[in-house]
N, C-alpha and C. Protein backbone atom coordinates (compact mmCIF):
# COMPACT_ATOMS: atom_id res chain seq x y z
N MET A 1 0.85 -1.17 0.00
CA MET A 1 0.00 0.00 0.00
C MET A 1 0.90 1.24 0.00
N SER A 2 0.48 2.26 -0.69
CA SER A 2 1.27 3.49 -0.77
C SER A 2 1.13 4.31 0.52
N THR A 3 2.07 5.21 0.70
CA THR A 3 2.04 6.09 1.87
C THR A 3 0.76 6.91 1.89
N ALA A 4 0.34 7.41 0.72
CA ALA A 4 -0.88 8.21 0.65
C ALA A 4 -2.11 7.39 1.05
N MET A 5 -2.17 6.14 0.61
CA MET A 5 -3.31 5.29 0.95
C MET A 5 -3.30 4.99 2.45
N ASP A 6 -2.12 4.73 3.01
CA ASP A 6 -2.02 4.52 4.46
C ASP A 6 -2.53 5.74 5.22
N LEU A 7 -2.10 6.91 4.80
CA LEU A 7 -2.51 8.16 5.45
C LEU A 7 -4.02 8.35 5.36
N LEU A 8 -4.58 8.08 4.20
CA LEU A 8 -6.02 8.23 4.02
C LEU A 8 -6.79 7.28 4.93
N MET A 9 -6.35 6.02 5.01
CA MET A 9 -7.03 5.05 5.86
C MET A 9 -6.97 5.45 7.33
N ILE A 10 -5.81 5.93 7.77
CA ILE A 10 -5.67 6.37 9.16
C ILE A 10 -6.58 7.57 9.43
N THR A 11 -6.63 8.49 8.50
CA THR A 11 -7.44 9.70 8.66
C THR A 11 -8.92 9.35 8.75
N ILE A 12 -9.38 8.47 7.91
CA ILE A 12 -10.79 8.09 7.91
C ILE A 12 -11.13 7.31 9.18
N ASP A 13 -10.24 6.40 9.58
CA ASP A 13 -10.49 5.54 10.72
C ASP A 13 -10.40 6.28 12.05
N GLU A 14 -9.45 7.19 12.18
CA GLU A 14 -9.19 7.85 13.45
C GLU A 14 -10.11 9.04 13.74
N ALA A 15 -10.70 9.63 12.73
CA ALA A 15 -11.45 10.87 12.96
C ALA A 15 -12.87 10.83 12.38
N PRO A 16 -13.65 9.82 12.72
CA PRO A 16 -15.00 9.79 12.15
C PRO A 16 -15.89 10.92 12.66
N ASP A 17 -15.67 11.36 13.90
CA ASP A 17 -16.49 12.44 14.47
C ASP A 17 -15.94 13.82 14.18
N HIS A 18 -14.67 13.89 13.84
CA HIS A 18 -14.00 15.17 13.57
C HIS A 18 -13.26 15.07 12.24
N PRO A 19 -13.97 15.27 11.14
CA PRO A 19 -13.31 15.11 9.83
C PRO A 19 -12.17 16.10 9.64
N VAL A 20 -11.17 15.66 8.91
CA VAL A 20 -10.02 16.50 8.61
C VAL A 20 -10.43 17.52 7.55
N GLU A 21 -9.91 18.74 7.68
CA GLU A 21 -10.22 19.77 6.69
C GLU A 21 -9.69 19.34 5.33
N PRO A 22 -10.48 19.50 4.26
CA PRO A 22 -10.07 19.05 2.93
C PRO A 22 -8.73 19.63 2.47
N GLU A 23 -8.48 20.90 2.79
CA GLU A 23 -7.23 21.52 2.36
C GLU A 23 -6.03 20.85 3.02
N ARG A 24 -6.16 20.55 4.29
CA ARG A 24 -5.06 19.89 5.02
C ARG A 24 -4.85 18.47 4.52
N LEU A 25 -5.94 17.78 4.27
CA LEU A 25 -5.83 16.41 3.78
C LEU A 25 -5.20 16.38 2.40
N ALA A 26 -5.58 17.31 1.53
CA ALA A 26 -5.00 17.36 0.18
C ALA A 26 -3.50 17.60 0.24
N LEU A 27 -3.07 18.50 1.10
CA LEU A 27 -1.64 18.78 1.23
C LEU A 27 -0.90 17.58 1.81
N ALA A 28 -1.49 16.93 2.79
CA ALA A 28 -0.86 15.75 3.39
C ALA A 28 -0.75 14.61 2.38
N LEU A 29 -1.79 14.41 1.56
CA LEU A 29 -1.75 13.36 0.55
C LEU A 29 -0.70 13.66 -0.52
N ALA A 30 -0.57 14.93 -0.92
CA ALA A 30 0.45 15.31 -1.89
C ALA A 30 1.84 15.06 -1.32
N ALA A 31 2.04 15.38 -0.05
CA ALA A 31 3.33 15.13 0.59
C ALA A 31 3.62 13.63 0.66
N ALA A 32 2.60 12.84 0.92
CA ALA A 32 2.78 11.39 0.98
C ALA A 32 3.18 10.84 -0.39
N GLU A 33 2.59 11.35 -1.44
CA GLU A 33 2.98 10.92 -2.80
C GLU A 33 4.42 11.30 -3.08
N LEU A 34 4.83 12.50 -2.65
CA LEU A 34 6.21 12.93 -2.84
C LEU A 34 7.16 12.01 -2.09
N ILE A 35 6.80 11.60 -0.90
CA ILE A 35 7.63 10.66 -0.13
C ILE A 35 7.81 9.36 -0.91
N ASP A 36 6.73 8.84 -1.49
CA ASP A 36 6.82 7.61 -2.28
C ASP A 36 7.70 7.80 -3.51
N LEU A 37 7.56 8.93 -4.20
CA LEU A 37 8.38 9.20 -5.38
C LEU A 37 9.86 9.33 -5.01
N LEU A 38 10.14 9.99 -3.89
CA LEU A 38 11.53 10.10 -3.42
C LEU A 38 12.09 8.73 -3.08
N GLY A 39 11.29 7.92 -2.42
CA GLY A 39 11.73 6.57 -2.05
C GLY A 39 12.01 5.68 -3.25
N ALA A 40 11.27 5.89 -4.33
CA ALA A 40 11.44 5.10 -5.54
C ALA A 40 12.56 5.64 -6.43
N GLY A 41 13.09 6.81 -6.08
CA GLY A 41 14.13 7.41 -6.90
C GLY A 41 13.60 8.09 -8.15
N ALA A 42 12.29 8.25 -8.23
CA ALA A 42 11.69 8.89 -9.42
C ALA A 42 11.91 10.39 -9.43
N VAL A 43 12.09 10.98 -8.25
CA VAL A 43 12.36 12.42 -8.13
C VAL A 43 13.45 12.63 -7.09
N ASP A 44 14.08 13.79 -7.17
CA ASP A 44 15.07 14.23 -6.18
C ASP A 44 14.70 15.64 -5.77
N LEU A 45 15.30 16.09 -4.68
CA LEU A 45 15.14 17.48 -4.25
C LEU A 45 16.43 18.22 -4.54
N ASP A 46 16.31 19.38 -5.17
CA ASP A 46 17.45 20.23 -5.48
C ASP A 46 17.14 21.60 -4.90
N GLY A 47 17.62 21.85 -3.68
CA GLY A 47 17.24 23.07 -3.00
C GLY A 47 15.76 22.98 -2.64
N GLY A 48 14.98 23.90 -3.13
CA GLY A 48 13.54 23.88 -2.89
C GLY A 48 12.74 23.35 -4.07
N ARG A 49 13.43 22.72 -5.02
CA ARG A 49 12.75 22.25 -6.24
C ARG A 49 12.70 20.74 -6.30
N ILE A 50 11.64 20.23 -6.92
CA ILE A 50 11.52 18.80 -7.18
C ILE A 50 11.98 18.59 -8.61
N VAL A 51 12.98 17.71 -8.80
CA VAL A 51 13.55 17.45 -10.12
C VAL A 51 13.48 15.96 -10.42
N PRO A 52 13.51 15.58 -11.70
CA PRO A 52 13.49 14.15 -12.04
C PRO A 52 14.66 13.42 -11.39
N GLY A 53 14.40 12.21 -10.94
CA GLY A 53 15.46 11.41 -10.34
C GLY A 53 16.39 10.86 -11.39
N ARG A 54 17.54 10.44 -10.96
CA ARG A 54 18.55 9.93 -11.89
C ARG A 54 18.12 8.62 -12.53
N GLY A 55 17.39 7.81 -11.81
CA GLY A 55 16.97 6.52 -12.36
C GLY A 55 15.62 6.57 -13.05
N ALA A 56 15.04 7.75 -13.17
CA ALA A 56 13.69 7.86 -13.73
C ALA A 56 13.75 8.07 -15.24
N VAL A 57 13.72 6.96 -15.97
CA VAL A 57 13.71 7.03 -17.43
C VAL A 57 12.43 6.34 -17.90
N PRO A 58 11.49 7.10 -18.47
CA PRO A 58 10.24 6.47 -18.92
C PRO A 58 10.49 5.56 -20.11
N SER A 59 9.70 4.52 -20.22
CA SER A 59 9.84 3.59 -21.35
C SER A 59 9.27 4.19 -22.63
N ASP A 60 8.37 5.15 -22.51
CA ASP A 60 7.79 5.80 -23.68
C ASP A 60 8.72 6.93 -24.14
N ARG A 61 9.20 6.87 -25.37
CA ARG A 61 10.19 7.85 -25.85
C ARG A 61 9.61 9.25 -25.97
N PHE A 62 8.28 9.39 -25.99
CA PHE A 62 7.66 10.71 -26.08
C PHE A 62 7.53 11.39 -24.72
N LEU A 63 7.78 10.66 -23.67
CA LEU A 63 7.72 11.25 -22.33
C LEU A 63 9.09 11.74 -21.94
């Protein structure tokens, strides 16, 4: 399961009476996706920028 899916399941399960604000949840899910991409080597951080990772070569030549 991805980090974002784990986060979503915890959020839904832990706060049925107090739902998380949509803006906060969206930001947390985006951060979770970034964590997964960093872990897979698909992206790197260069200062404050997200850049393609060194091992990220798409199989489609048009990408």
